[in-house]
Amino acid sequence: MKYRNTLRKCILYLFLLLLLPILLSQSSLDLLSPQEQVRKYTRSIEFDYSSWTIEALLVKIQQASLNLPSYMDQETQKRFILDTISIINKYHLLESQINQIYTDPEIPNPDQISTPYFDKLQETSNKLDLLLPIAETIIQNQLSSILAEGGLGYFGQTFPPVLYRITPLPKALITSPRNVIRQDANLSLDPDLSLEEIINLENNVADSLNVSSMVTDIGGVGTYPTMVMQSGNLTWLIGVVGHEWTHNFLTLRPLGLNYGTNKELRTINETTASISEEELKWAVVERYYPEYYPAPIEEQQLPASDEIEIEEEPFDFPMEMYITRTTTDELLSEGKIEEAEAYMEERRLFFYENGYLIRRLNQAYFAFHTAYVNAPSDGTEGQTGAAGKDPVGPLVWQLREKSENLFDFLNRISWISSLEGLQNLVDEFDD
């Protein structure tokens, strides 16, 4: 164990010294806009990746030196993670209670009523400051074990090393032309912008440049260490850590290095990371947190046939979003820009009525979500969701289905640098 810990530290330090400049510059380039005129509105509120990365690396080097989880057995590490998740959920509950106090018109003095809640919130925050770095190291090690066993490393250690940091995430300003859905801008903004500031920025950019714009939250960023949003959902958290690590892995190969070359390669990158996210998430959960792993259908207790009630079919968000996207594409292809925008607003209200709170549904929304292609399903040419009829994502899924396992898939797809290269890989299986 001592030898493995020393080797892990050496690989980590070597990786940081030799390859950090590549990762840092790539992460920045991925998130900067090709339209410099958009930055007239964002320069003063753009997120400072350089400062964040230096601070995060100092924390990670300290964690690697102490390596506190090495003094815990597997069961103790599991309890530590579950306790930390419980405290995170307590923190979010306190935030929600404070918000309710300030939005309840029947509470005459919210400042006074909320004081003890703020005190508990600060106490919980201080506790998390101590726990999160250790929890991060535990999950890093668990994911690293799965990856190393799959062959994505050297001498039994994952390469690049899995490093992530729980942190407030920057927001993303997305722009698209109005006459076609295409991401032309993706700028990272300070995480603490108010809703009023966000709406004013969106309107200023849209009106001044005659584009569609949207500011959106994100779940993670593929910097190094990667940035991950604080969440009390353990399976979601592990999935995002796996997703962003996959971007780090791809960044060292042609696919990741060409992330920003065109929209097809961006879609290939993001769909690959999404596939990896799902499989890595459940692999870690099955081994280390089996009580969170879904039981097989045959083991689930189903009601007797005479107890089954016929209920109204649930709202199918992916399919309805697919319909919205394809209809919008058709309207835009006919030059009906105003009609398309009116239709998207009509559909936004429709989603709201069915419990999906989408603040802006426009060309920029679809431009951002196009890269994230859902798993193939029956009908609709194997697709649902905001990507519409984009053919690139299904090709990625085809390659995954034809590959022996996730690790074989990642090794194959990471070396392509064009859509043609992906098509050739898929065709090789049919020859």
Foldseek 3Di string as FASTA:
>chain_A
DVVVLVVQLVLQVVCCVPPQVLQQVLLVVVQFFPPCVLCVLAVVFFDDPVVVQVVQVVLVNVCSVPVVCVVPDLVVLLVLLLVLLVLLVVLVVLVVVLVCLVPDPVNPCSVVVSVVSVVVNVVSVVVNVVSVSNNQSSLQVLLQQVCLVLPQPPPSGHPPRQAEDADQFFKWKFKDALLAQATRHTTTGHNPDDPVRQVVSQVVSCVVVVIHIHIGDDAWGLHVNIYGHDHSPQLVRSLVSQLSVLLVVLSVAQLNVQCPVGPLSVLLSNQLSNVRSVVSSLVSCVVRPVVPHDDPPVPDDDDDPVPDDDDDDADDVQALLLVLQVVLRVCSVVVNSVVNLVSQVVVCVVVVVNPDNDPDGGSRVLNVCLSHWDQFDPDQRRGTHSVHPDPSSVLLNLLCVLAPHSSRSSVQVSHDNDSVSSVVSSVVSVD
